[in-house]
């Protein structure tokens, strides 16, 4: 496993995990009816997700170009982080919206 590959896979893991974490923080902010904070965290989550996607795209481009990309536990772990982040961000957006509606009903 070369250093560039390892760095790319670690980008998947690190940025995917960061994206999910920011989505969790968005839900926590919405739970306190802090929708400005929730939106800021969702924006941060999307930015981190973009970085994770960049890592994934570089690996896909290599493979599409005929270069073999090694399948490793780290690679699977990175892909898992990315997919979980995507799912969690989608769910966080929905949860934030539910809290918005709940606040409207409280008033």
PDB file of N, CA and C in Angstrom:
ATOM      1  N   UNK A   1       0.858  -1.181   0.000  1.00  0.00           N
ATOM      2  CA  UNK A   1       0.000   0.000   0.000  1.00  0.00           C
ATOM      3  C   UNK A   1       0.898   1.235   0.000  1.00  0.00           C
ATOM      4  N   UNK A   2       0.798   2.057  -1.054  1.00  0.00           N
ATOM      5  CA  UNK A   2       1.673   3.230  -1.117  1.00  0.00           C
ATOM      6  C   UNK A   2       1.130   4.376  -0.260  1.00  0.00           C
ATOM      7  N   UNK A   3       1.988   5.348  -0.037  1.00  0.00           N
ATOM      8  CA  UNK A   3       1.663   6.445   0.874  1.00  0.00           C
ATOM      9  C   UNK A   3       0.507   7.302   0.356  1.00  0.00           C
ATOM     10  N   UNK A   4       0.468   7.549  -0.941  1.00  0.00           N
ATOM     11  CA  UNK A   4      -0.604   8.367  -1.513  1.00  0.00           C
ATOM     12  C   UNK A   4      -1.964   7.672  -1.356  1.00  0.00           C
ATOM     13  N   UNK A   5      -1.989   6.364  -1.589  1.00  0.00           N
ATOM     14  CA  UNK A   5      -3.234   5.612  -1.418  1.00  0.00           C
ATOM     15  C   UNK A   5      -3.697   5.695   0.038  1.00  0.00           C
ATOM     16  N   UNK A   6      -2.760   5.487   0.954  1.00  0.00           N
ATOM     17  CA  UNK A   6      -3.093   5.536   2.375  1.00  0.00           C
ATOM     18  C   UNK A   6      -3.626   6.914   2.763  1.00  0.00           C
ATOM     19  N   UNK A   7      -3.018   7.944   2.247  1.00  0.00           N
ATOM     20  CA  UNK A   7      -3.454   9.306   2.545  1.00  0.00           C
ATOM     21  C   UNK A   7      -4.870   9.553   2.011  1.00  0.00           C
ATOM     22  N   UNK A   8      -5.142   9.049   0.823  1.00  0.00           N
ATOM     23  CA  UNK A   8      -6.468   9.211   0.227  1.00  0.00           C
ATOM     24  C   UNK A   8      -7.522   8.475   1.043  1.00  0.00           C
ATOM     25  N   UNK A   9      -7.221   7.247   1.432  1.00  0.00           N
ATOM     26  CA  UNK A   9      -8.174   6.460   2.226  1.00  0.00           C
ATOM     27  C   UNK A   9      -8.387   7.110   3.593  1.00  0.00           C
ATOM     28  N   UNK A  10      -7.327   7.640   4.179  1.00  0.00           N
ATOM     29  CA  UNK A  10      -7.480   8.319   5.468  1.00  0.00           C
ATOM     30  C   UNK A  10      -8.342   9.573   5.316  1.00  0.00           C
ATOM     31  N   UNK A  11      -8.282  10.215   4.146  1.00  0.00           N
ATOM     32  CA  UNK A  11      -9.156  11.356   3.874  1.00  0.00           C
ATOM     33  C   UNK A  11     -10.618  10.945   3.877  1.00  0.00           C
ATOM     34  N   UNK A  12     -10.891   9.775   3.298  1.00  0.00           N
ATOM     35  CA  UNK A  12     -12.259   9.243   3.341  1.00  0.00           C
ATOM     36  C   UNK A  12     -12.724   9.061   4.782  1.00  0.00           C
ATOM     37  N   UNK A  13     -11.878   8.439   5.570  1.00  0.00           N
ATOM     38  CA  UNK A  13     -12.221   8.143   6.964  1.00  0.00           C
ATOM     39  C   UNK A  13     -12.384   9.425   7.771  1.00  0.00           C
ATOM     40  N   UNK A  14     -11.398  10.292   7.671  1.00  0.00           N
ATOM     41  CA  UNK A  14     -11.384  11.509   8.482  1.00  0.00           C
ATOM     42  C   UNK A  14     -12.530  12.453   8.097  1.00  0.00           C
ATOM     43  N   UNK A  15     -12.657  12.764   6.814  1.00  0.00           N
ATOM     44  CA  UNK A  15     -13.682  13.718   6.396  1.00  0.00           C
ATOM     45  C   UNK A  15     -15.084  13.124   6.472  1.00  0.00           C
ATOM     46  N   UNK A  16     -15.213  11.830   6.189  1.00  0.00           N
ATOM     47  CA  UNK A  16     -16.515  11.178   6.340  1.00  0.00           C
ATOM     48  C   UNK A  16     -16.968  11.196   7.792  1.00  0.00           C
ATOM     49  N   UNK A  17     -16.048  10.893   8.698  1.00  0.00           N
ATOM     50  CA  UNK A  17     -16.369  10.930  10.127  1.00  0.00           C
ATOM     51  C   UNK A  17     -16.706  12.330  10.602  1.00  0.00           C
ATOM     52  N   UNK A  18     -15.959  13.310  10.090  1.00  0.00           N
ATOM     53  CA  UNK A  18     -16.217  14.701  10.451  1.00  0.00           C
ATOM     54  C   UNK A  18     -17.597  15.138   9.964  1.00  0.00           C
ATOM     55  N   UNK A  19     -17.947  14.737   8.745  1.00  0.00           N
ATOM     56  CA  UNK A  19     -19.258  15.095   8.192  1.00  0.00           C
ATOM     57  C   UNK A  19     -20.385  14.535   9.061  1.00  0.00           C
ATOM     58  N   UNK A  20     -20.255  13.281   9.459  1.00  0.00           N
ATOM     59  CA  UNK A  20     -21.290  12.675  10.308  1.00  0.00           C
ATOM     60  C   UNK A  20     -21.354  13.387  11.656  1.00  0.00           C
ATOM     61  N   UNK A  21     -20.196  13.694  12.220  1.00  0.00           N
ATOM     62  CA  UNK A  21     -20.154  14.388  13.509  1.00  0.00           C
ATOM     63  C   UNK A  21     -20.830  15.746  13.458  1.00  0.00           C
ATOM     64  N   UNK A  22     -20.622  16.483  12.372  1.00  0.00           N
ATOM     65  CA  UNK A  22     -21.259  17.796  12.221  1.00  0.00           C
ATOM     66  C   UNK A  22     -22.775  17.640  12.081  1.00  0.00           C
ATOM     67  N   UNK A  23     -23.223  16.566  11.436  1.00  0.00           N
ATOM     68  CA  UNK A  23     -24.656  16.307  11.319  1.00  0.00           C
ATOM     69  C   UNK A  23     -25.262  16.022  12.696  1.00  0.00           C
ATOM     70  N   UNK A  24     -24.533  15.288  13.520  1.00  0.00           N
ATOM     71  CA  UNK A  24     -24.980  15.018  14.893  1.00  0.00           C
ATOM     72  C   UNK A  24     -25.095  16.339  15.653  1.00  0.00           C
ATOM     73  N   UNK A  25     -24.117  17.220  15.474  1.00  0.00           N
ATOM     74  CA  UNK A  25     -24.144  18.531  16.142  1.00  0.00           C
ATOM     75  C   UNK A  25     -25.315  19.373  15.640  1.00  0.00           C
ATOM     76  N   UNK A  26     -25.671  19.231  14.370  1.00  0.00           N
ATOM     77  CA  UNK A  26     -26.830  19.962  13.830  1.00  0.00           C
ATOM     78  C   UNK A  26     -28.106  19.524  14.529  1.00  0.00           C
ATOM     79  N   UNK A  27     -28.250  18.235  14.741  1.00  0.00           N
ATOM     80  CA  UNK A  27     -29.437  17.722  15.439  1.00  0.00           C
ATOM     81  C   UNK A  27     -29.459  18.240  16.876  1.00  0.00           C
ATOM     82  N   UNK A  28     -28.308  18.242  17.535  1.00  0.00           N
ATOM     83  CA  UNK A  28     -28.236  18.734  18.916  1.00  0.00           C
ATOM     84  C   UNK A  28     -28.632  20.207  18.989  1.00  0.00           C
ATOM     85  N   UNK A  29     -28.210  20.999  18.012  1.00  0.00           N
ATOM     86  CA  UNK A  29     -28.582  22.418  17.985  1.00  0.00           C
ATOM     87  C   UNK A  29     -30.087  22.568  17.749  1.00  0.00           C
ATOM     88  N   UNK A  30     -30.633  21.797  16.827  1.00  0.00           N
ATOM     89  CA  UNK A  30     -32.069  21.876  16.552  1.00  0.00           C
ATOM     90  C   UNK A  30     -32.888  21.481  17.770  1.00  0.00           C
ATOM     91  N   UNK A  31     -32.379  20.531  18.520  1.00  0.00           N
ATOM     92  CA  UNK A  31     -33.066  20.076  19.730  1.00  0.00           C
ATOM     93  C   UNK A  31     -33.222  21.219  20.738  1.00  0.00           C
ATOM     94  N   UNK A  32     -32.300  22.186  20.667  1.00  0.00           N
ATOM     95  CA  UNK A  32     -32.355  23.373  21.531  1.00  0.00           C
ATOM     96  C   UNK A  32     -33.062  24.527  20.812  1.00  0.00           C
ATOM     97  N   UNK A  33     -33.661  24.228  19.644  1.00  0.00           N
ATOM     98  CA  UNK A  33     -34.334  25.214  18.805  1.00  0.00           C
ATOM     99  C   UNK A  33     -33.380  26.300  18.318  1.00  0.00           C
ATOM    100  N   UNK A  34     -32.108  25.942  18.185  1.00  0.00           N
ATOM    101  CA  UNK A  34     -31.080  26.841  17.637  1.00  0.00           C
ATOM    102  C   UNK A  34     -30.913  26.491  16.159  1.00  0.00           C
ATOM    103  N   UNK A  35     -31.810  27.028  15.337  1.00  0.00           N
ATOM    104  CA  UNK A  35     -31.822  26.649  13.929  1.00  0.00           C
ATOM    105  C   UNK A  35     -30.696  27.307  13.141  1.00  0.00           C
ATOM    106  N   UNK A  36     -30.260  28.466  13.583  1.00  0.00           N
ATOM    107  CA  UNK A  36     -29.105  29.095  12.932  1.00  0.00           C
ATOM    108  C   UNK A  36     -27.862  28.222  13.148  1.00  0.00           C
ATOM    109  N   UNK A  37     -27.693  27.737  14.360  1.00  0.00           N
ATOM    110  CA  UNK A  37     -26.579  26.831  14.669  1.00  0.00           C
ATOM    111  C   UNK A  37     -26.698  25.511  13.924  1.00  0.00           C
ATOM    112  N   UNK A  38     -27.922  25.008  13.833  1.00  0.00           N
ATOM    113  CA  UNK A  38     -28.151  23.744  13.126  1.00  0.00           C
ATOM    114  C   UNK A  38     -27.797  23.888  11.650  1.00  0.00           C
ATOM    115  N   UNK A  39     -28.219  24.980  11.035  1.00  0.00           N
ATOM    116  CA  UNK A  39     -27.903  25.203   9.620  1.00  0.00           C
ATOM    117  C   UNK A  39     -26.403  25.364   9.410  1.00  0.00           C
ATOM    118  N   UNK A  40     -25.740  26.037  10.340  1.00  0.00           N
ATOM    119  CA  UNK A  40     -24.284  26.201  10.236  1.00  0.00           C
ATOM    120  C   UNK A  40     -23.591  24.840  10.293  1.00  0.00           C
ATOM    121  N   UNK A  41     -24.058  23.976  11.181  1.00  0.00           N
ATOM    122  CA  UNK A  41     -23.461  22.637  11.302  1.00  0.00           C
ATOM    123  C   UNK A  41     -23.740  21.792  10.070  1.00  0.00           C
ATOM    124  N   UNK A  42     -24.946  21.941   9.494  1.00  0.00           N
ATOM    125  CA  UNK A  42     -25.252  21.207   8.265  1.00  0.00           C
ATOM    126  C   UNK A  42     -24.361  21.687   7.115  1.00  0.00           C
ATOM    127  N   UNK A  43     -24.086  22.976   7.087  1.00  0.00           N
ATOM    128  CA  UNK A  43     -23.184  23.522   6.068  1.00  0.00           C
ATOM    129  C   UNK A  43     -21.779  22.952   6.251  1.00  0.00           C
ATOM    130  N   UNK A  44     -21.322  22.881   7.492  1.00  0.00           N
ATOM    131  CA  UNK A  44     -20.010  22.296   7.782  1.00  0.00           C
ATOM    132  C   UNK A  44     -19.981  20.811   7.409  1.00  0.00           C
ATOM    133  N   UNK A  45     -21.084  20.124   7.676  1.00  0.00           N
ATOM    134  CA  UNK A  45     -21.180  18.700   7.335  1.00  0.00           C
ATOM    135  C   UNK A  45     -21.064  18.512   5.825  1.00  0.00           C
ATOM    136  N   UNK A  46     -21.754  19.356   5.063  1.00  0.00           N
ATOM    137  CA  UNK A  46     -21.694  19.258   3.600  1.00  0.00           C
ATOM    138  C   UNK A  46     -20.280  19.545   3.089  1.00  0.00           C
ATOM    139  N   UNK A  47     -19.598  20.490   3.713  1.00  0.00           N
ATOM    140  CA  UNK A  47     -18.221  20.805   3.304  1.00  0.00           C
ATOM    141  C   UNK A  47     -17.299  19.614   3.555  1.00  0.00           C
ATOM    142  N   UNK A  48     -17.428  18.999   4.707  1.00  0.00           N
ATOM    143  CA  UNK A  48     -16.606  17.828   5.027  1.00  0.00           C
ATOM    144  C   UNK A  48     -16.943  16.674   4.092  1.00  0.00           C
ATOM    145  N   UNK A  49     -18.223  16.527   3.776  1.00  0.00           N
ATOM    146  CA  UNK A  49     -18.644  15.486   2.847  1.00  0.00           C
ATOM    147  C   UNK A  49     -18.030  15.718   1.470  1.00  0.00           C
ATOM    148  N   UNK A  50     -17.953  16.961   1.064  1.00  0.00           N
ATOM    149  CA  UNK A  50     -17.316  17.298  -0.209  1.00  0.00           C
ATOM    150  C   UNK A  50     -15.859  16.867  -0.248  1.00  0.00           C
ATOM    151  N   UNK A  51     -15.155  17.054   0.853  1.00  0.00           N
ATOM    152  CA  UNK A  51     -13.750  16.628   0.932  1.00  0.00           C
ATOM    153  C   UNK A  51     -13.641  15.108   0.879  1.00  0.00           C
ATOM    154  N   UNK A  52     -14.548  14.425   1.544  1.00  0.00           N
ATOM    155  CA  UNK A  52     -14.542  12.958   1.510  1.00  0.00           C
ATOM    156  C   UNK A  52     -14.832  12.470   0.090  1.00  0.00           C
ATOM    157  N   UNK A  53     -15.762  13.124  -0.576  1.00  0.00           N
ATOM    158  CA  UNK A  53     -16.087  12.755  -1.954  1.00  0.00           C
ATOM    159  C   UNK A  53     -14.881  12.949  -2.868  1.00  0.00           C
ATOM    160  N   UNK A  54     -14.123  14.003  -2.603  1.00  0.00           N
ATOM    161  CA  UNK A  54     -12.913  14.272  -3.394  1.00  0.00           C
ATOM    162  C   UNK A  54     -11.943  13.096  -3.291  1.00  0.00           C
ATOM    163  N   UNK A  55     -11.785  12.578  -2.089  1.00  0.00           N
ATOM    164  CA  UNK A  55     -10.916  11.419  -1.877  1.00  0.00           C
ATOM    165  C   UNK A  55     -11.443  10.215  -2.646  1.00  0.00           C
ATOM    166  N   UNK A  56     -12.732   9.983  -2.544  1.00  0.00           N
ATOM    167  CA  UNK A  56     -13.327   8.851  -3.234  1.00  0.00           C
ATOM    168  C   UNK A  56     -13.178   9.004  -4.753  1.00  0.00           C
ATOM    169  N   UNK A  57     -13.414  10.197  -5.250  1.00  0.00           N
ATOM    170  CA  UNK A  57     -13.322  10.445  -6.689  1.00  0.00           C
ATOM    171  C   UNK A  57     -11.919  10.186  -7.214  1.00  0.00           C
ATOM    172  N   UNK A  58     -10.907  10.547  -6.444  1.00  0.00           N
ATOM    173  CA  UNK A  58      -9.533  10.296  -6.900  1.00  0.00           C
ATOM    174  C   UNK A  58      -9.266   8.799  -7.024  1.00  0.00           C
ATOM    175  N   UNK A  59      -9.814   8.008  -6.116  1.00  0.00           N
ATOM    176  CA  UNK A  59      -9.663   6.554  -6.194  1.00  0.00           C
ATOM    177  C   UNK A  59     -10.438   5.990  -7.384  1.00  0.00           C
ATOM    178  N   UNK A  60     -11.642   6.489  -7.589  1.00  0.00           N
ATOM    179  CA  UNK A  60     -12.448   6.024  -8.717  1.00  0.00           C
ATOM    180  C   UNK A  60     -11.783   6.377 -10.051  1.00  0.00           C
ATOM    181  N   UNK A  61     -11.209   7.566 -10.120  1.00  0.00           N
ATOM    182  CA  UNK A  61     -10.535   7.993 -11.353  1.00  0.00           C
ATOM    183  C   UNK A  61      -9.330   7.107 -11.658  1.00  0.00           C
ATOM    184  N   UNK A  62      -8.583   6.749 -10.612  1.00  0.00           N
ATOM    185  CA  UNK A  62      -7.440   5.841 -10.791  1.00  0.00           C
ATOM    186  C   UNK A  62      -7.898   4.515 -11.385  1.00  0.00           C
ATOM    187  N   UNK A  63      -8.918   3.954 -10.766  1.00  0.00           N
ATOM    188  CA  UNK A  63      -9.404   2.655 -11.222  1.00  0.00           C
ATOM    189  C   UNK A  63      -9.985   2.744 -12.637  1.00  0.00           C
ATOM    190  N   UNK A  64     -10.715   3.809 -12.906  1.00  0.00           N
ATOM    191  CA  UNK A  64     -11.277   3.998 -14.246  1.00  0.00           C
ATOM    192  C   UNK A  64     -10.169   4.163 -15.286  1.00  0.00           C
ATOM    193  N   UNK A  65      -9.037   4.688 -14.861  1.00  0.00           N
ATOM    194  CA  UNK A  65      -7.892   4.873 -15.749  1.00  0.00           C
ATOM    195  C   UNK A  65      -7.045   3.628 -15.912  1.00  0.00           C
ATOM    196  N   UNK A  66      -7.464   2.531 -15.322  1.00  0.00           N
ATOM    197  CA  UNK A  66      -6.749   1.270 -15.489  1.00  0.00           C
ATOM    198  C   UNK A  66      -5.757   0.935 -14.388  1.00  0.00           C
ATOM    199  N   UNK A  67      -5.618   1.836 -13.413  1.00  0.00           N
ATOM    200  CA  UNK A  67      -4.723   1.545 -12.288  1.00  0.00           C
ATOM    201  C   UNK A  67      -5.483   0.732 -11.246  1.00  0.00           C
ATOM    202  N   UNK A  68      -4.853  -0.288 -10.765  1.00  0.00           N
ATOM    203  CA  UNK A  68      -5.475  -1.126  -9.747  1.00  0.00           C
ATOM    204  C   UNK A  68      -5.494  -0.386  -8.404  1.00  0.00           C
ATOM    205  N   UNK A  69      -6.634  -0.417  -7.756  1.00  0.00           N
ATOM    206  CA  UNK A  69      -6.776   0.178  -6.423  1.00  0.00           C
ATOM    207  C   UNK A  69      -6.943  -0.976  -5.447  1.00  0.00           C
ATOM    208  N   UNK A  70      -6.017  -1.081  -4.484  1.00  0.00           N
ATOM    209  CA  UNK A  70      -6.097  -2.225  -3.570  1.00  0.00           C
ATOM    210  C   UNK A  70      -7.338  -2.179  -2.674  1.00  0.00           C
ATOM    211  N   UNK A  71      -7.935  -3.317  -2.513  1.00  0.00           N
ATOM    212  CA  UNK A  71      -9.057  -3.446  -1.598  1.00  0.00           C
ATOM    213  C   UNK A  71      -8.484  -3.836  -0.244  1.00  0.00           C
ATOM    214  N   UNK A  72      -8.716  -2.994   0.732  1.00  0.00           N
ATOM    215  CA  UNK A  72      -8.188  -3.254   2.071  1.00  0.00           C
ATOM    216  C   UNK A  72      -9.268  -2.954   3.096  1.00  0.00           C
ATOM    217  N   UNK A  73      -9.029  -3.376   4.307  1.00  0.00           N
ATOM    218  CA  UNK A  73      -9.974  -3.082   5.384  1.00  0.00           C
ATOM    219  C   UNK A  73     -10.091  -1.571   5.575  1.00  0.00           C
ATOM    220  N   UNK A  74      -8.993  -0.847   5.429  1.00  0.00           N
ATOM    221  CA  UNK A  74      -9.044   0.617   5.550  1.00  0.00           C
ATOM    222  C   UNK A  74      -9.929   1.220   4.467  1.00  0.00           C
ATOM    223  N   UNK A  75      -9.817   0.701   3.253  1.00  0.00           N
ATOM    224  CA  UNK A  75     -10.630   1.196   2.143  1.00  0.00           C
ATOM    225  C   UNK A  75     -12.112   0.948   2.446  1.00  0.00           C
ATOM    226  N   UNK A  76     -12.461  -0.223   2.892  1.00  0.00           N
ATOM    227  CA  UNK A  76     -13.848  -0.550   3.226  1.00  0.00           C
ATOM    228  C   UNK A  76     -14.329   0.348   4.361  1.00  0.00           C
ATOM    229  N   UNK A  77     -13.486   0.558   5.345  1.00  0.00           N
ATOM    230  CA  UNK A  77     -13.823   1.420   6.478  1.00  0.00           C
ATOM    231  C   UNK A  77     -14.078   2.855   5.993  1.00  0.00           C
ATOM    232  N   UNK A  78     -13.244   3.335   5.085  1.00  0.00           N
ATOM    233  CA  UNK A  78     -13.414   4.677   4.538  1.00  0.00           C
ATOM    234  C   UNK A  78     -14.725   4.817   3.778  1.00  0.00           C
ATOM    235  N   UNK A  79     -15.036   3.826   2.952  1.00  0.00           N
ATOM    236  CA  UNK A  79     -16.290   3.847   2.207  1.00  0.00           C
ATOM    237  C   UNK A  79     -17.486   3.795   3.165  1.00  0.00           C
ATOM    238  N   UNK A  80     -17.350   3.033   4.225  1.00  0.00           N
ATOM    239  CA  UNK A  80     -18.405   2.936   5.233  1.00  0.00           C
ATOM    240  C   UNK A  80     -18.638   4.305   5.881  1.00  0.00           C
ATOM    241  N   UNK A  81     -17.553   4.996   6.223  1.00  0.00           N
ATOM    242  CA  UNK A  81     -17.680   6.337   6.806  1.00  0.00           C
ATOM    243  C   UNK A  81     -18.382   7.283   5.846  1.00  0.00           C
ATOM    244  N   UNK A  82     -18.003   7.223   4.579  1.00  0.00           N
ATOM    245  CA  UNK A  82     -18.612   8.101   3.594  1.00  0.00           C
ATOM    246  C   UNK A  82     -20.107   7.836   3.455  1.00  0.00           C
ATOM    247  N   UNK A  83     -20.488   6.596   3.305  1.00  0.00           N
ATOM    248  CA  UNK A  83     -21.902   6.259   3.128  1.00  0.00           C
ATOM    249  C   UNK A  83     -22.721   6.588   4.381  1.00  0.00           C
ATOM    250  N   UNK A  84     -22.150   6.338   5.550  1.00  0.00           N
ATOM    251  CA  UNK A  84     -22.855   6.694   6.787  1.00  0.00           C
ATOM    252  C   UNK A  84     -23.034   8.203   6.889  1.00  0.00           C
ATOM    253  N   UNK A  85     -22.031   8.955   6.477  1.00  0.00           N
ATOM    254  CA  UNK A  85     -22.128  10.417   6.528  1.00  0.00           C
ATOM    255  C   UNK A  85     -23.245  10.912   5.616  1.00  0.00           C
ATOM    256  N   UNK A  86     -23.305  10.368   4.409  1.00  0.00           N
ATOM    257  CA  UNK A  86     -24.351  10.771   3.464  1.00  0.00           C
ATOM    258  C   UNK A  86     -25.730  10.509   4.072  1.00  0.00           C
ATOM    259  N   UNK A  87     -25.909   9.317   4.591  1.00  0.00           N
ATOM    260  CA  UNK A  87     -27.194   8.940   5.185  1.00  0.00           C
ATOM    261  C   UNK A  87     -27.518   9.816   6.387  1.00  0.00           C
ATOM    262  N   UNK A  88     -26.528  10.041   7.246  1.00  0.00           N
ATOM    263  CA  UNK A  88     -26.768  10.803   8.468  1.00  0.00           C
ATOM    264  C   UNK A  88     -27.088  12.255   8.163  1.00  0.00           C
ATOM    265  N   UNK A  89     -26.424  12.834   7.175  1.00  0.00           N
ATOM    266  CA  UNK A  89     -26.720  14.219   6.806  1.00  0.00           C
ATOM    267  C   UNK A  89     -28.153  14.327   6.289  1.00  0.00           C
ATOM    268  N   UNK A  90     -28.549  13.385   5.455  1.00  0.00           N
ATOM    269  CA  UNK A  90     -29.932  13.389   4.957  1.00  0.00           C
ATOM    270  C   UNK A  90     -30.926  13.310   6.107  1.00  0.00           C
ATOM    271  N   UNK A  91     -30.669  12.440   7.056  1.00  0.00           N
ATOM    272  CA  UNK A  91     -31.568  12.297   8.206  1.00  0.00           C
ATOM    273  C   UNK A  91     -31.529  13.538   9.096  1.00  0.00           C
ATOM    274  N   UNK A  92     -30.357  14.116   9.276  1.00  0.00           N
ATOM    275  CA  UNK A  92     -30.233  15.317  10.110  1.00  0.00           C
ATOM    276  C   UNK A  92     -31.055  16.462   9.532  1.00  0.00           C
ATOM    277  N   UNK A  93     -31.045  16.604   8.217  1.00  0.00           N
ATOM    278  CA  UNK A  93     -31.860  17.650   7.581  1.00  0.00           C
ATOM    279  C   UNK A  93     -33.332  17.454   7.912  1.00  0.00           C
ATOM    280  N   UNK A  94     -33.787  16.228   7.870  1.00  0.00           N
ATOM    281  CA  UNK A  94     -35.187  15.924   8.187  1.00  0.00           C
ATOM    282  C   UNK A  94     -35.496  16.200   9.657  1.00  0.00           C
ATOM    283  N   UNK A  95     -34.594  15.811  10.546  1.00  0.00           N
ATOM    284  CA  UNK A  95     -34.809  16.019  11.978  1.00  0.00           C
ATOM    285  C   UNK A  95     -34.839  17.515  12.298  1.00  0.00           C
ATOM    286  N   UNK A  96     -33.944  18.282  11.686  1.00  0.00           N
ATOM    287  CA  UNK A  96     -33.948  19.734  11.901  1.00  0.00           C
ATOM    288  C   UNK A  96     -35.292  20.310  11.464  1.00  0.00           C
ATOM    289  N   UNK A  97     -35.798  19.858  10.339  1.00  0.00           N
ATOM    290  CA  UNK A  97     -37.100  20.340   9.853  1.00  0.00           C
ATOM    291  C   UNK A  97     -38.224  19.962  10.822  1.00  0.00           C
ATOM    292  N   UNK A  98     -38.175  18.772  11.382  1.00  0.00           N
ATOM    293  CA  UNK A  98     -39.194  18.362  12.353  1.00  0.00           C
ATOM    294  C   UNK A  98     -39.152  19.284  13.578  1.00  0.00           C
ATOM    295  N   UNK A  99     -37.951  19.613  14.050  1.00  0.00           N
ATOM    296  CA  UNK A  99     -37.848  20.530  15.194  1.00  0.00           C
ATOM    297  C   UNK A  99     -38.354  21.929  14.842  1.00  0.00           C
ATOM    298  N   UNK A 100     -38.141  22.362  13.608  1.00  0.00           N
ATOM    299  CA  UNK A 100     -38.679  23.660  13.170  1.00  0.00           C
ATOM    300  C   UNK A 100     -40.208  23.654  13.279  1.00  0.00           C
ATOM    301  N   UNK A 101     -40.803  22.584  12.783  1.00  0.00           N
ATOM    302  CA  UNK A 101     -42.266  22.483  12.833  1.00  0.00           C
ATOM    303  C   UNK A 101     -42.764  22.390  14.265  1.00  0.00           C
ATOM    304  N   UNK A 102     -42.027  21.697  15.107  1.00  0.00           N
ATOM    305  CA  UNK A 102     -42.397  21.578  16.506  1.00  0.00           C
ATOM    306  C   UNK A 102     -42.349  22.941  17.187  1.00  0.00           C
ATOM    307  N   UNK A 103     -41.332  23.727  16.876  1.00  0.00           N
ATOM    308  CA  UNK A 103     -41.252  25.055  17.482  1.00  0.00           C
ATOM    309  C   UNK A 103     -42.417  25.931  17.028  1.00  0.00           C
ATOM    310  N   UNK A 104     -42.794  25.831  15.773  1.00  0.00           N
ATOM    311  CA  UNK A 104     -43.927  26.597  15.257  1.00  0.00           C
ATOM    312  C   UNK A 104     -45.212  26.232  16.003  1.00  0.00           C
ATOM    313  N   UNK A 105     -45.376  24.961  16.296  1.00  0.00           N
ATOM    314  CA  UNK A 105     -46.573  24.530  17.019  1.00  0.00           C
ATOM    315  C   UNK A 105     -46.548  24.960  18.473  1.00  0.00           C
ATOM    316  N   UNK A 106     -45.367  25.149  19.041  1.00  0.00           N
ATOM    317  CA  UNK A 106     -45.259  25.577  20.446  1.00  0.00           C
ATOM    318  C   UNK A 106     -45.658  27.027  20.624  1.00  0.00           C
ATOM    319  N   UNK A 107     -45.564  27.821  19.568  1.00  0.00           N
ATOM    320  CA  UNK A 107     -45.808  29.268  19.699  1.00  0.00           C
ATOM    321  C   UNK A 107     -47.247  29.622  19.672  1.00  0.00           C
TER     322      UNK A 107
END
